[in-house]
Amino acid sequence: MAWFDFSCADPIRIRDINGAPTDTGVAFTEYAHDRTRRYVEPFFKRHPLKRKETEARVDWISRCPDSFTCH
């Protein structure tokens, strides 16, 4: 996993799990809330048991990386 720097200097990275499988290192992008929300929303729209999730809950889930701290 040479493409990841696990130190606090490296930004949080995310991956679109809805897309086609690709080289893992290339598929990760730097975290941004709007990008994460675009990745999270399709899951809830497709999943029959999750379609009723509120907009606020989807927003909360997509903002989870905002709460991560590096130690």
C-alpha atoms as a PDB file:
ATOM      1  CA  MET A   1       0.000   0.000   0.000  1.00  0.00           C
ATOM      2  CA  ALA A   2       2.736   2.390  -0.989  1.00  0.00           C
ATOM      3  CA  TRP A   3       0.216   4.929  -2.339  1.00  0.00           C
ATOM      4  CA  PHE A   4      -1.076   5.635   1.226  1.00  0.00           C
ATOM      5  CA  ASP A   5       0.695   7.689   3.840  1.00  0.00           C
ATOM      6  CA  PHE A   6      -0.913   6.757   7.157  1.00  0.00           C
ATOM      7  CA  SER A   7       0.600   9.726   8.962  1.00  0.00           C
ATOM      8  CA  CYS A   8      -1.476  12.736   9.977  1.00  0.00           C
ATOM      9  CA  ALA A   9       0.021  14.609   7.020  1.00  0.00           C
ATOM     10  CA  ASP A  10      -2.013  12.574   4.504  1.00  0.00           C
ATOM     11  CA  PRO A  11      -5.627  13.758   3.982  1.00  0.00           C
ATOM     12  CA  ILE A  12      -8.613  11.502   4.589  1.00  0.00           C
ATOM     13  CA  ARG A  13      -9.324   9.508   1.437  1.00  0.00           C
ATOM     14  CA  ILE A  14     -12.573   8.000   0.202  1.00  0.00           C
ATOM     15  CA  ARG A  15     -13.609   5.579  -2.515  1.00  0.00           C
ATOM     16  CA  ASP A  16     -16.798   5.292  -4.534  1.00  0.00           C
ATOM     17  CA  ILE A  17     -17.956   1.738  -3.789  1.00  0.00           C
ATOM     18  CA  ASN A  18     -20.804   2.082  -6.306  1.00  0.00           C
ATOM     19  CA  GLY A  19     -18.462   2.138  -9.287  1.00  0.00           C
ATOM     20  CA  ALA A  20     -16.595  -0.546 -11.169  1.00  0.00           C
ATOM     21  CA  PRO A  21     -13.630  -2.214  -9.465  1.00  0.00           C
ATOM     22  CA  THR A  22     -10.351  -0.569 -10.407  1.00  0.00           C
ATOM     23  CA  ASP A  23      -6.819  -0.351  -9.099  1.00  0.00           C
ATOM     24  CA  THR A  24      -7.426   0.445  -5.436  1.00  0.00           C
ATOM     25  CA  GLY A  25      -4.831   3.201  -5.174  1.00  0.00           C
ATOM     26  CA  VAL A  26      -6.206   5.076  -8.144  1.00  0.00           C
ATOM     27  CA  ALA A  27      -9.825   4.757  -6.979  1.00  0.00           C
ATOM     28  CA  PHE A  28      -9.296   6.695  -3.727  1.00  0.00           C
ATOM     29  CA  THR A  29      -9.758  10.467  -3.758  1.00  0.00           C
ATOM     30  CA  GLU A  30      -9.371  13.123  -1.102  1.00  0.00           C
ATOM     31  CA  TYR A  31     -12.399  13.435   1.165  1.00  0.00           C
ATOM     32  CA  ALA A  32     -14.890  16.215   0.551  1.00  0.00           C
ATOM     33  CA  HIS A  33     -18.409  16.171   1.996  1.00  0.00           C
ATOM     34  CA  ASP A  34     -20.174  16.840  -1.322  1.00  0.00           C
ATOM     35  CA  ARG A  35     -18.265  14.025  -3.033  1.00  0.00           C
ATOM     36  CA  THR A  36     -18.991  11.612  -0.186  1.00  0.00           C
ATOM     37  CA  ARG A  37     -22.671  12.472  -0.297  1.00  0.00           C
ATOM     38  CA  ARG A  38     -22.739  11.641  -4.024  1.00  0.00           C
ATOM     39  CA  TYR A  39     -21.303   8.227  -3.112  1.00  0.00           C
ATOM     40  CA  VAL A  40     -23.667   7.593  -0.167  1.00  0.00           C
ATOM     41  CA  GLU A  41     -26.984   8.645  -1.738  1.00  0.00           C
ATOM     42  CA  PRO A  42     -27.166   5.917  -4.424  1.00  0.00           C
ATOM     43  CA  PHE A  43     -26.872   3.214  -1.761  1.00  0.00           C
ATOM     44  CA  PHE A  44     -29.973   4.469   0.017  1.00  0.00           C
ATOM     45  CA  LYS A  45     -31.928   4.914  -3.210  1.00  0.00           C
ATOM     46  CA  ARG A  46     -31.201   1.336  -4.330  1.00  0.00           C
ATOM     47  CA  HIS A  47     -31.498  -0.480  -0.995  1.00  0.00           C
ATOM     48  CA  PRO A  48     -35.167  -1.443  -0.395  1.00  0.00           C
ATOM     49  CA  LEU A  49     -34.905  -1.281   3.411  1.00  0.00           C
ATOM     50  CA  LYS A  50     -33.039   2.025   3.443  1.00  0.00           C
ATOM     51  CA  ARG A  51     -35.068   4.115   0.968  1.00  0.00           C
ATOM     52  CA  LYS A  52     -36.902   5.872   3.796  1.00  0.00           C
ATOM     53  CA  GLU A  53     -33.745   7.308   5.358  1.00  0.00           C
ATOM     54  CA  THR A  54     -34.179  11.002   5.917  1.00  0.00           C
ATOM     55  CA  GLU A  55     -32.097  13.594   4.117  1.00  0.00           C
ATOM     56  CA  ALA A  56     -30.668  14.611   7.495  1.00  0.00           C
ATOM     57  CA  ARG A  57     -29.509  11.042   8.189  1.00  0.00           C
ATOM     58  CA  VAL A  58     -27.893  10.699   4.742  1.00  0.00           C
ATOM     59  CA  ASP A  59     -26.168  14.037   5.316  1.00  0.00           C
ATOM     60  CA  TRP A  60     -24.970  12.918   8.769  1.00  0.00           C
ATOM     61  CA  ILE A  61     -23.564   9.656   7.378  1.00  0.00           C
ATOM     62  CA  SER A  62     -21.754  11.454   4.576  1.00  0.00           C
ATOM     63  CA  ARG A  63     -20.198  13.885   7.094  1.00  0.00           C
ATOM     64  CA  CYS A  64     -18.769  11.186   9.392  1.00  0.00           C
ATOM     65  CA  PRO A  65     -15.198  11.710   8.149  1.00  0.00           C
ATOM     66  CA  ASP A  66     -15.443  15.301   9.419  1.00  0.00           C
ATOM     67  CA  SER A  67     -15.314  13.878  12.956  1.00  0.00           C
ATOM     68  CA  PHE A  68     -12.134  11.844  12.470  1.00  0.00           C
ATOM     69  CA  THR A  69      -9.059  13.006  14.320  1.00  0.00           C
ATOM     70  CA  CYS A  70      -5.489  11.966  13.765  1.00  0.00           C
ATOM     71  CA  HIS A  71      -3.339  10.857  16.679  1.00  0.00           C
END
